[in-house]
Amino acid sequence: MEYLALFDQDNQPLGKVLPRREVHVLGHWHRTSQIYVLHPQHGYLCHQRSALKDLFPSLWDISIGGHLAPEETYETCALRELSEELGIEVQPDRLEFVAVVSVDGKDERAQLLDREHAGIFLYKTELEVTGFNIQQEELVEVEYIPVKQLQQDLQNSNPSRAYIPMQQHYAEILSLLEQYQQKEAN
């Protein structure tokens, strides 16, 4: 059984852990890492979630990520998730920390609450889609989506695929990533 540490709305530890399912049923704040994988020519790596996922099954996601285990850091979680979900070993200095953002989401179908403080990371790679060894239990398919198309999809009421219903959040993250990259380029 997977346990998660609890945090308050300001991302301060509460000193408690609960089973993951209970955290989502009761809507407790917890921590996750989200890694946005960017290929300079092809765009962001997106994936279709497995039908077996408890939150947002079979929907498309624009980041790789997962929950932090108790006592785990955002960076350690991000590196672990890249290894588990994409089958790649990434050196810590190749992973760029961008920010921590708070997400207050809900899966209407499953009636689960997803309140998380997400560590946002950018990982730039030139790996083709075939270079990933995806974890079949988590991901059904991966595909690079050009940045412009992804931005259009997130603003469109009829996008090219069924995304997790958090388009506003994802649009804000893409804007944050764009600002981060412009700042780093200067």
N, C-alpha and C. Protein backbone atom coordinates (compact mmCIF):
# COMPACT_ATOMS: atom_id res chain seq x y z
N MET A 1 0.85 -1.18 0.00
CA MET A 1 0.00 0.00 0.00
C MET A 1 0.90 1.24 0.00
N GLU A 2 0.53 2.21 -0.81
CA GLU A 2 1.31 3.45 -0.92
C GLU A 2 0.80 4.48 0.10
N TYR A 3 1.74 5.06 0.85
CA TYR A 3 1.41 6.08 1.84
C TYR A 3 1.94 7.43 1.39
N LEU A 4 1.20 8.50 1.72
CA LEU A 4 1.60 9.85 1.38
C LEU A 4 1.64 10.71 2.63
N ALA A 5 2.63 11.60 2.67
CA ALA A 5 2.71 12.57 3.77
C ALA A 5 1.70 13.68 3.51
N LEU A 6 1.12 14.21 4.57
CA LEU A 6 0.11 15.26 4.46
C LEU A 6 0.75 16.63 4.70
N PHE A 7 0.21 17.63 3.99
CA PHE A 7 0.67 19.01 4.10
C PHE A 7 -0.54 19.90 4.20
N ASP A 8 -0.34 21.13 4.70
CA ASP A 8 -1.44 22.08 4.73
C ASP A 8 -1.49 22.82 3.39
N GLN A 9 -2.44 23.74 3.27
CA GLN A 9 -2.62 24.46 1.99
C GLN A 9 -1.43 25.34 1.65
N ASP A 10 -0.56 25.63 2.64
CA ASP A 10 0.64 26.44 2.40
C ASP A 10 1.89 25.58 2.22
N ASN A 11 1.69 24.26 2.02
CA ASN A 11 2.77 23.30 1.78
C ASN A 11 3.65 23.08 3.00
N GLN A 12 3.09 23.26 4.19
CA GLN A 12 3.81 22.99 5.43
C GLN A 12 3.45 21.59 5.92
N PRO A 13 4.44 20.79 6.35
CA PRO A 13 4.16 19.41 6.77
C PRO A 13 3.27 19.34 8.01
N LEU A 14 2.38 18.36 8.00
CA LEU A 14 1.48 18.15 9.13
C LEU A 14 1.96 17.02 10.03
N GLY A 15 3.02 16.31 9.61
CA GLY A 15 3.55 15.22 10.44
C GLY A 15 2.69 13.98 10.45
N LYS A 16 1.86 13.80 9.42
CA LYS A 16 0.98 12.63 9.34
C LYS A 16 1.14 11.98 7.97
N VAL A 17 0.90 10.68 7.92
CA VAL A 17 0.84 9.96 6.65
C VAL A 17 -0.45 9.16 6.62
N LEU A 18 -0.99 9.03 5.41
CA LEU A 18 -2.20 8.23 5.21
C LEU A 18 -2.05 7.44 3.91
N PRO A 19 -2.84 6.37 3.76
CA PRO A 19 -2.82 5.65 2.49
C PRO A 19 -3.26 6.59 1.34
N ARG A 20 -2.65 6.40 0.19
CA ARG A 20 -2.91 7.25 -0.97
C ARG A 20 -4.41 7.36 -1.28
N ARG A 21 -5.11 6.25 -1.29
CA ARG A 21 -6.54 6.26 -1.62
C ARG A 21 -7.30 7.16 -0.65
N GLU A 22 -7.00 7.06 0.63
CA GLU A 22 -7.67 7.87 1.64
C GLU A 22 -7.36 9.36 1.46
N VAL A 23 -6.12 9.66 1.09
CA VAL A 23 -5.72 11.06 0.83
C VAL A 23 -6.60 11.65 -0.27
N HIS A 24 -6.84 10.88 -1.34
CA HIS A 24 -7.64 11.37 -2.46
C HIS A 24 -9.14 11.39 -2.17
N VAL A 25 -9.61 10.45 -1.36
CA VAL A 25 -11.03 10.44 -0.99
C VAL A 25 -11.35 11.64 -0.11
N LEU A 26 -10.47 11.92 0.85
CA LEU A 26 -10.72 13.00 1.81
C LEU A 26 -10.22 14.37 1.33
N GLY A 27 -9.43 14.39 0.27
CA GLY A 27 -8.97 15.66 -0.28
C GLY A 27 -7.86 16.32 0.50
N HIS A 28 -6.96 15.54 1.09
CA HIS A 28 -5.82 16.10 1.81
C HIS A 28 -4.77 16.63 0.83
N TRP A 29 -4.08 17.69 1.22
CA TRP A 29 -2.97 18.21 0.44
C TRP A 29 -1.77 17.27 0.58
N HIS A 30 -1.07 17.04 -0.53
CA HIS A 30 0.11 16.18 -0.56
C HIS A 30 1.05 16.70 -1.64
N ARG A 31 2.20 16.07 -1.80
CA ARG A 31 3.19 16.55 -2.76
C ARG A 31 3.36 15.58 -3.94
N THR A 32 3.59 16.18 -5.11
CA THR A 32 3.89 15.42 -6.32
C THR A 32 5.02 16.11 -7.08
N SER A 33 5.57 15.39 -8.02
CA SER A 33 6.51 15.99 -8.98
C SER A 33 5.91 15.83 -10.36
N GLN A 34 6.01 16.89 -11.16
CA GLN A 34 5.57 16.86 -12.56
C GLN A 34 6.77 17.23 -13.42
N ILE A 35 7.09 16.35 -14.36
CA ILE A 35 8.23 16.58 -15.23
C ILE A 35 7.69 16.79 -16.65
N TYR A 36 8.05 17.92 -17.23
CA TYR A 36 7.65 18.24 -18.60
C TYR A 36 8.85 17.95 -19.48
N VAL A 37 8.70 16.95 -20.35
CA VAL A 37 9.78 16.46 -21.20
C VAL A 37 9.67 17.18 -22.54
N LEU A 38 10.71 17.93 -22.88
CA LEU A 38 10.67 18.77 -24.08
C LEU A 38 11.75 18.35 -25.07
N HIS A 39 11.33 18.05 -26.28
CA HIS A 39 12.24 17.80 -27.40
C HIS A 39 12.28 19.10 -28.20
N PRO A 40 13.48 19.63 -28.50
CA PRO A 40 13.57 20.94 -29.14
C PRO A 40 12.85 21.05 -30.49
N GLN A 41 12.75 19.96 -31.23
CA GLN A 41 12.07 20.01 -32.53
C GLN A 41 10.64 19.48 -32.49
N HIS A 42 10.34 18.55 -31.59
CA HIS A 42 9.05 17.86 -31.63
C HIS A 42 8.02 18.37 -30.62
N GLY A 43 8.44 19.06 -29.57
CA GLY A 43 7.50 19.56 -28.58
C GLY A 43 7.54 18.77 -27.28
N TYR A 44 6.42 18.81 -26.56
CA TYR A 44 6.34 18.15 -25.25
C TYR A 44 5.87 16.71 -25.39
N LEU A 45 6.47 15.84 -24.57
CA LEU A 45 6.08 14.43 -24.55
C LEU A 45 4.80 14.31 -23.75
N CYS A 46 3.75 13.83 -24.38
CA CYS A 46 2.47 13.61 -23.72
C CYS A 46 2.19 12.11 -23.71
N HIS A 47 1.32 11.69 -22.82
CA HIS A 47 1.01 10.26 -22.76
C HIS A 47 -0.44 10.02 -22.38
N GLN A 48 -0.92 8.87 -22.86
CA GLN A 48 -2.24 8.43 -22.47
C GLN A 48 -2.10 7.54 -21.25
N ARG A 49 -2.85 7.87 -20.21
CA ARG A 49 -2.78 7.12 -18.96
C ARG A 49 -3.48 5.76 -19.12
N SER A 50 -3.03 4.80 -18.35
CA SER A 50 -3.62 3.47 -18.36
C SER A 50 -5.08 3.53 -17.89
N ALA A 51 -5.90 2.62 -18.38
CA ALA A 51 -7.29 2.51 -17.94
C ALA A 51 -7.37 2.05 -16.49
N LEU A 52 -6.26 1.54 -15.95
CA LEU A 52 -6.25 1.04 -14.58
C LEU A 52 -5.93 2.11 -13.53
N LYS A 53 -5.61 3.34 -13.96
CA LYS A 53 -5.27 4.43 -13.03
C LYS A 53 -6.51 4.81 -12.22
N ASP A 54 -6.31 5.14 -10.92
CA ASP A 54 -7.46 5.53 -10.09
C ASP A 54 -7.92 6.94 -10.40
N LEU A 55 -6.99 7.82 -10.77
CA LEU A 55 -7.34 9.19 -11.16
C LEU A 55 -7.18 9.35 -12.67
N PHE A 56 -8.18 9.87 -13.31
CA PHE A 56 -8.17 10.21 -14.73
C PHE A 56 -7.71 9.06 -15.64
N PRO A 57 -8.32 7.87 -15.51
CA PRO A 57 -7.92 6.75 -16.37
C PRO A 57 -8.19 7.04 -17.85
N SER A 58 -7.29 6.56 -18.69
CA SER A 58 -7.38 6.61 -20.16
C SER A 58 -7.29 8.02 -20.75
N LEU A 59 -7.10 9.04 -19.93
CA LEU A 59 -7.00 10.40 -20.45
C LEU A 59 -5.54 10.75 -20.74
N TRP A 60 -5.35 11.78 -21.56
CA TRP A 60 -4.00 12.22 -21.93
C TRP A 60 -3.48 13.22 -20.91
N ASP A 61 -2.20 13.08 -20.60
CA ASP A 61 -1.50 13.94 -19.64
C ASP A 61 -0.32 14.56 -20.36
N ILE A 62 0.07 15.76 -19.94
CA ILE A 62 1.18 16.43 -20.61
C ILE A 62 2.46 16.43 -19.78
N SER A 63 2.43 15.72 -18.64
CA SER A 63 3.64 15.61 -17.83
C SER A 63 3.79 14.20 -17.30
N ILE A 64 5.03 13.84 -17.03
CA ILE A 64 5.34 12.60 -16.33
C ILE A 64 5.38 12.97 -14.86
N GLY A 65 4.91 12.10 -14.00
CA GLY A 65 4.98 12.49 -12.60
C GLY A 65 4.43 11.45 -11.67
N GLY A 66 4.48 11.83 -10.40
CA GLY A 66 3.98 10.92 -9.38
C GLY A 66 4.03 11.55 -8.01
N HIS A 67 3.56 10.79 -7.06
CA HIS A 67 3.49 11.23 -5.67
C HIS A 67 4.82 11.03 -4.97
N LEU A 68 5.16 11.98 -4.10
CA LEU A 68 6.35 11.83 -3.27
C LEU A 68 6.05 10.85 -2.15
N ALA A 69 6.96 9.93 -1.94
CA ALA A 69 6.87 9.06 -0.76
C ALA A 69 7.21 9.92 0.46
N PRO A 70 6.74 9.52 1.65
CA PRO A 70 7.12 10.28 2.84
C PRO A 70 8.65 10.42 2.92
N GLU A 71 9.12 11.60 3.24
CA GLU A 71 10.55 11.92 3.37
C GLU A 71 11.28 12.05 2.02
N GLU A 72 10.60 11.86 0.90
CA GLU A 72 11.24 11.98 -0.42
C GLU A 72 11.25 13.45 -0.85
N THR A 73 12.26 13.86 -1.61
CA THR A 73 12.31 15.23 -2.13
C THR A 73 11.63 15.29 -3.49
N TYR A 74 11.30 16.51 -3.91
CA TYR A 74 10.73 16.69 -5.23
C TYR A 74 11.66 16.13 -6.31
N GLU A 75 12.96 16.44 -6.20
CA GLU A 75 13.92 16.00 -7.22
C GLU A 75 14.07 14.49 -7.26
N THR A 76 14.18 13.86 -6.09
CA THR A 76 14.31 12.41 -6.04
C THR A 76 13.09 11.73 -6.67
N CYS A 77 11.92 12.25 -6.37
CA CYS A 77 10.69 11.72 -6.95
C CYS A 77 10.70 11.89 -8.47
N ALA A 78 11.10 13.05 -8.95
CA ALA A 78 11.12 13.31 -10.40
C ALA A 78 12.06 12.34 -11.12
N LEU A 79 13.24 12.13 -10.57
CA LEU A 79 14.20 11.21 -11.18
C LEU A 79 13.67 9.78 -11.16
N ARG A 80 13.04 9.40 -10.06
CA ARG A 80 12.45 8.06 -9.94
C ARG A 80 11.34 7.86 -10.97
N GLU A 81 10.47 8.85 -11.12
CA GLU A 81 9.36 8.73 -12.06
C GLU A 81 9.84 8.64 -13.51
N LEU A 82 10.86 9.41 -13.87
CA LEU A 82 11.41 9.31 -15.23
C LEU A 82 11.95 7.91 -15.48
N SER A 83 12.59 7.33 -14.47
CA SER A 83 13.13 5.99 -14.59
C SER A 83 12.00 4.96 -14.69
N GLU A 84 11.02 5.05 -13.81
CA GLU A 84 9.93 4.07 -13.78
C GLU A 84 9.03 4.17 -15.01
N GLU A 85 8.57 5.38 -15.32
CA GLU A 85 7.56 5.53 -16.36
C GLU A 85 8.12 5.56 -17.78
N LEU A 86 9.32 6.14 -17.95
CA LEU A 86 9.90 6.24 -19.30
C LEU A 86 11.10 5.33 -19.51
N GLY A 87 11.58 4.71 -18.45
CA GLY A 87 12.71 3.81 -18.58
C GLY A 87 14.02 4.51 -18.91
N ILE A 88 14.18 5.76 -18.44
CA ILE A 88 15.41 6.50 -18.70
C ILE A 88 16.05 6.93 -17.39
N GLU A 89 17.37 6.88 -17.36
CA GLU A 89 18.12 7.35 -16.19
C GLU A 89 18.62 8.75 -16.52
N VAL A 90 18.21 9.71 -15.72
CA VAL A 90 18.55 11.12 -15.95
C VAL A 90 19.48 11.59 -14.84
N GLN A 91 20.54 12.25 -15.22
CA GLN A 91 21.45 12.83 -14.23
C GLN A 91 20.77 14.04 -13.61
N PRO A 92 20.91 14.22 -12.28
CA PRO A 92 20.24 15.33 -11.60
C PRO A 92 20.52 16.71 -12.22
N ASP A 93 21.73 16.92 -12.74
CA ASP A 93 22.04 18.23 -13.31
C ASP A 93 21.35 18.48 -14.65
N ARG A 94 20.71 17.47 -15.23
CA ARG A 94 19.96 17.63 -16.49
C ARG A 94 18.49 17.96 -16.23
N LEU A 95 18.07 17.84 -14.98
CA LEU A 95 16.69 18.10 -14.59
C LEU A 95 16.62 19.53 -14.06
N GLU A 96 15.79 20.35 -14.65
CA GLU A 96 15.71 21.77 -14.28
C GLU A 96 14.48 22.02 -13.41
N PHE A 97 14.72 22.45 -12.16
CA PHE A 97 13.62 22.80 -11.27
C PHE A 97 13.08 24.16 -11.67
N VAL A 98 11.76 24.26 -11.83
CA VAL A 98 11.13 25.51 -12.28
C VAL A 98 10.40 26.21 -11.13
N ALA A 99 9.54 25.48 -10.42
CA ALA A 99 8.74 26.10 -9.35
C ALA A 99 7.93 25.03 -8.63
N VAL A 100 7.29 25.43 -7.54
CA VAL A 100 6.27 24.60 -6.89
C VAL A 100 4.95 25.33 -7.07
N VAL A 101 3.95 24.62 -7.59
CA VAL A 101 2.62 25.19 -7.77
C VAL A 101 1.60 24.32 -7.04
N SER A 102 0.53 24.95 -6.58
CA SER A 102 -0.53 24.21 -5.91
C SER A 102 -1.65 23.95 -6.90
N VAL A 103 -2.15 22.70 -6.88
CA VAL A 103 -3.19 22.25 -7.80
C VAL A 103 -4.34 21.72 -6.98
N ASP A 104 -5.54 22.22 -7.26
CA ASP A 104 -6.73 21.76 -6.57
C ASP A 104 -7.66 21.16 -7.61
N GLY A 105 -7.52 19.85 -7.85
CA GLY A 105 -8.28 19.19 -8.90
C GLY A 105 -9.27 18.18 -8.36
N LYS A 106 -10.16 17.74 -9.26
CA LYS A 106 -11.16 16.75 -8.87
C LYS A 106 -11.45 15.87 -10.08
N ASP A 107 -11.47 14.56 -9.84
CA ASP A 107 -11.90 13.61 -10.86
C ASP A 107 -13.38 13.35 -10.61
N GLU A 108 -14.23 13.98 -11.44
CA GLU A 108 -15.68 13.88 -11.24
C GLU A 108 -16.17 12.44 -11.35
N ARG A 109 -15.62 11.69 -12.32
CA ARG A 109 -16.07 10.31 -12.51
C ARG A 109 -15.77 9.45 -11.28
N ALA A 110 -14.55 9.56 -10.78
CA ALA A 110 -14.13 8.72 -9.64
C ALA A 110 -14.50 9.34 -8.30
N GLN A 111 -14.95 10.59 -8.31
CA GLN A 111 -15.27 11.31 -7.08
C GLN A 111 -14.08 11.33 -6.12
N LEU A 112 -12.90 11.64 -6.69
CA LEU A 112 -11.68 11.76 -5.90
C LEU A 112 -11.14 13.18 -6.01
N LEU A 113 -10.56 13.67 -4.92
CA LEU A 113 -9.99 15.01 -4.88
C LEU A 113 -8.48 14.90 -4.99
N ASP A 114 -7.88 15.77 -5.79
CA ASP A 114 -6.44 15.74 -5.99
C ASP A 114 -5.87 17.11 -5.67
N ARG A 115 -5.58 17.31 -4.38
CA ARG A 115 -5.01 18.58 -3.92
C ARG A 115 -3.52 18.35 -3.68
N GLU A 116 -2.72 18.96 -4.54
CA GLU A 116 -1.29 18.68 -4.47
C GLU A 116 -0.44 19.93 -4.62
N HIS A 117 0.71 19.87 -3.99
CA HIS A 117 1.76 20.87 -4.18
C HIS A 117 2.76 20.20 -5.11
N ALA A 118 2.77 20.65 -6.36
CA ALA A 118 3.55 19.98 -7.40
C ALA A 118 4.87 20.69 -7.67
N GLY A 119 5.96 19.94 -7.57
CA GLY A 119 7.26 20.43 -7.98
C GLY A 119 7.33 20.30 -9.50
N ILE A 120 7.52 21.41 -10.18
CA ILE A 120 7.53 21.44 -11.65
C ILE A 120 8.97 21.39 -12.14
N PHE A 121 9.25 20.43 -13.02
CA PHE A 121 10.59 20.26 -13.59
C PHE A 121 10.51 20.26 -15.11
N LEU A 122 11.60 20.69 -15.73
CA LEU A 122 11.75 20.64 -17.18
C LEU A 122 12.92 19.72 -17.49
N TYR A 123 12.70 18.78 -18.39
CA TYR A 123 13.76 17.90 -18.85
C TYR A 123 13.82 18.00 -20.36
N LYS A 124 14.93 18.50 -20.88
CA LYS A 124 15.12 18.63 -22.32
C LYS A 124 15.88 17.42 -22.84
N THR A 125 15.39 16.86 -23.92
CA THR A 125 16.00 15.67 -24.49
C THR A 125 15.85 15.66 -26.01
N GLU A 126 16.71 14.92 -26.66
CA GLU A 126 16.59 14.72 -28.10
C GLU A 126 16.23 13.27 -28.41
N LEU A 127 15.82 12.52 -27.38
CA LEU A 127 15.37 11.15 -27.58
C LEU A 127 14.11 11.13 -28.42
N GLU A 128 14.06 10.22 -29.38
CA GLU A 128 12.83 10.00 -30.14
C GLU A 128 11.88 9.18 -29.26
N VAL A 129 10.62 9.15 -29.63
CA VAL A 129 9.61 8.42 -28.85
C VAL A 129 10.02 6.95 -28.68
N THR A 130 10.64 6.39 -29.71
CA THR A 130 11.05 4.99 -29.65
C THR A 130 12.19 4.75 -28.66
N GLY A 131 12.82 5.81 -28.17
CA GLY A 131 13.91 5.70 -27.20
C GLY A 131 13.45 5.49 -25.78
N PHE A 132 12.15 5.60 -25.55
CA PHE A 132 11.61 5.41 -24.20
C PHE A 132 11.12 3.98 -24.04
N ASN A 133 11.31 3.44 -22.86
CA ASN A 133 10.81 2.11 -22.53
C ASN A 133 9.68 2.31 -21.52
N ILE A 134 8.47 2.58 -22.04
CA ILE A 134 7.38 3.01 -21.17
C ILE A 134 6.85 1.89 -20.28
N GLN A 135 6.43 2.30 -19.10
CA GLN A 135 5.86 1.39 -18.11
C GLN A 135 4.40 1.12 -18.50
N GLN A 136 4.15 -0.06 -19.01
CA GLN A 136 2.83 -0.40 -19.55
C GLN A 136 1.70 -0.31 -18.52
N GLU A 137 2.00 -0.50 -17.23
CA GLU A 137 0.95 -0.42 -16.20
C GLU A 137 0.49 1.02 -15.99
N GLU A 138 1.33 1.98 -16.36
CA GLU A 138 1.02 3.40 -16.14
C GLU A 138 0.61 4.12 -17.42
N LEU A 139 1.33 3.84 -18.51
CA LEU A 139 1.17 4.57 -19.76
C LEU A 139 0.77 3.64 -20.90
N VAL A 140 -0.18 4.09 -21.70
CA VAL A 140 -0.61 3.30 -22.85
C VAL A 140 0.19 3.68 -24.09
N GLU A 141 0.41 4.98 -24.24
CA GLU A 141 1.06 5.50 -25.44
C GLU A 141 1.74 6.82 -25.10
N VAL A 142 2.87 7.11 -25.78
CA VAL A 142 3.53 8.41 -25.64
C VAL A 142 3.67 9.02 -27.02
N GLU A 143 3.62 10.35 -27.05
CA GLU A 143 3.71 11.08 -28.31
C GLU A 143 4.19 12.49 -28.04
N TYR A 144 5.10 12.97 -28.89
CA TYR A 144 5.48 14.38 -28.80
C TYR A 144 4.39 15.20 -29.48
N ILE A 145 3.98 16.28 -28.82
CA ILE A 145 2.99 17.19 -29.41
C ILE A 145 3.65 18.55 -29.51
N PRO A 146 3.67 19.13 -30.72
CA PRO A 146 4.27 20.46 -30.88
C PRO A 146 3.65 21.47 -29.91
N VAL A 147 4.49 22.38 -29.42
CA VAL A 147 4.06 23.35 -28.41
C VAL A 147 2.82 24.12 -28.86
N LYS A 148 2.81 24.63 -30.09
CA LYS A 148 1.66 25.41 -30.58
C LYS A 148 0.39 24.57 -30.60
N GLN A 149 0.48 23.31 -31.05
CA GLN A 149 -0.69 22.44 -31.08
C GLN A 149 -1.19 22.17 -29.67
N LEU A 150 -0.27 21.93 -28.75
CA LEU A 150 -0.64 21.67 -27.36
C LEU A 150 -1.34 22.89 -26.76
N GLN A 151 -0.81 24.08 -27.00
CA GLN A 151 -1.44 25.29 -26.51
C GLN A 151 -2.85 25.45 -27.09
N GLN A 152 -3.00 25.15 -28.38
CA GLN A 152 -4.33 25.25 -29.02
C GLN A 152 -5.29 24.22 -28.42
N ASP A 153 -4.80 22.99 -28.22
CA ASP A 153 -5.65 21.95 -27.63
C ASP A 153 -6.17 22.37 -26.26
N LEU A 154 -5.31 22.99 -25.46
CA LEU A 154 -5.70 23.35 -24.10
C LEU A 154 -6.70 24.50 -24.07
N GLN A 155 -6.78 25.25 -25.16
CA GLN A 155 -7.73 26.37 -25.23
C GLN A 155 -9.00 26.01 -26.01
N ASN A 156 -9.01 24.84 -26.61
CA ASN A 156 -10.09 24.44 -27.50
C ASN A 156 -11.12 23.59 -26.76
N SER A 157 -12.39 23.84 -27.01
CA SER A 157 -13.44 23.03 -26.37
C SER A 157 -13.54 21.66 -27.04
N ASN A 158 -12.90 21.51 -28.20
CA ASN A 158 -12.89 20.23 -28.91
C ASN A 158 -11.45 19.87 -29.27
N PRO A 159 -10.62 19.53 -28.26
CA PRO A 159 -9.20 19.27 -28.52
C PRO A 159 -8.97 17.99 -29.34
N SER A 160 -7.74 17.80 -29.81
CA SER A 160 -7.41 16.65 -30.65
C SER A 160 -7.44 15.32 -29.89
N ARG A 161 -7.41 15.37 -28.56
CA ARG A 161 -7.46 14.16 -27.74
C ARG A 161 -8.12 14.51 -26.40
N ALA A 162 -8.51 13.48 -25.66
CA ALA A 162 -9.17 13.69 -24.36
C ALA A 162 -8.11 13.86 -23.27
N TYR A 163 -7.90 15.10 -22.85
CA TYR A 163 -6.91 15.42 -21.80
C TYR A 163 -7.54 15.35 -20.42
N ILE A 164 -6.69 15.22 -19.41
CA ILE A 164 -7.14 15.37 -18.03
C ILE A 164 -7.84 16.74 -17.95
N PRO A 165 -9.01 16.82 -17.34
CA PRO A 165 -9.77 18.09 -17.36
C PRO A 165 -9.19 19.17 -16.45
N MET A 166 -7.96 19.55 -16.75
CA MET A 166 -7.30 20.62 -16.00
C MET A 166 -6.57 21.52 -17.00
N GLN A 167 -7.27 21.84 -18.09
CA GLN A 167 -6.66 22.60 -19.17
C GLN A 167 -6.11 23.94 -18.71
N GLN A 168 -6.82 24.63 -17.84
CA GLN A 168 -6.35 25.93 -17.34
C GLN A 168 -5.02 25.78 -16.61
N HIS A 169 -4.93 24.78 -15.77
CA HIS A 169 -3.68 24.51 -15.04
C HIS A 169 -2.55 24.23 -16.02
N TYR A 170 -2.79 23.36 -16.98
CA TYR A 170 -1.74 23.02 -17.94
C TYR A 170 -1.33 24.22 -18.78
N ALA A 171 -2.29 25.05 -19.17
CA ALA A 171 -1.96 26.26 -19.94
C ALA A 171 -1.07 27.18 -19.10
N GLU A 172 -1.38 27.30 -17.82
CA GLU A 172 -0.55 28.13 -16.92
C GLU A 172 0.85 27.55 -16.78
N ILE A 173 0.96 26.23 -16.69
CA ILE A 173 2.27 25.59 -16.57
C ILE A 173 3.08 25.80 -17.85
N LEU A 174 2.45 25.65 -19.01
CA LEU A 174 3.17 25.88 -20.27
C LEU A 174 3.68 27.31 -20.34
N SER A 175 2.89 28.26 -19.88
CA SER A 175 3.31 29.67 -19.85
C SER A 175 4.47 29.84 -18.87
N LEU A 176 4.38 29.20 -17.72
CA LEU A 176 5.46 29.24 -16.73
C LEU A 176 6.75 28.66 -17.31
N LEU A 177 6.64 27.54 -18.02
CA LEU A 177 7.82 26.91 -18.63
C LEU A 177 8.43 27.81 -19.71
N GLU A 178 7.57 28.47 -20.48
CA GLU A 178 8.05 29.39 -21.52
C GLU A 178 8.80 30.57 -20.88
N GLN A 179 8.24 31.14 -19.82
CA GLN A 179 8.90 32.24 -19.11
C GLN A 179 10.24 31.79 -18.53
N TYR A 180 10.25 30.58 -17.96
CA TYR A 180 11.46 30.03 -17.37
C TYR A 180 12.56 29.90 -18.43
N GLN A 181 12.19 29.35 -19.59
CA GLN A 181 13.18 29.15 -20.65
C GLN A 181 13.70 30.47 -21.20
N GLN A 182 12.83 31.47 -21.31
CA GLN A 182 13.27 32.79 -21.77
C GLN A 182 14.25 33.40 -20.77
N LYS A 183 13.95 33.27 -19.49
CA LYS A 183 14.83 33.79 -18.43
C LYS A 183 16.17 33.09 -18.47
N GLU A 184 16.18 31.77 -18.66
CA GLU A 184 17.42 31.01 -18.69
C GLU A 184 18.26 31.34 -19.94
N ALA A 185 17.60 31.71 -21.03
CA ALA A 185 18.30 32.03 -22.28
C ALA A 185 19.00 33.39 -22.20
N ASN A 186 18.53 34.26 -21.32
CA ASN A 186 19.13 35.62 -21.19
C ASN A 186 20.28 35.65 -20.23
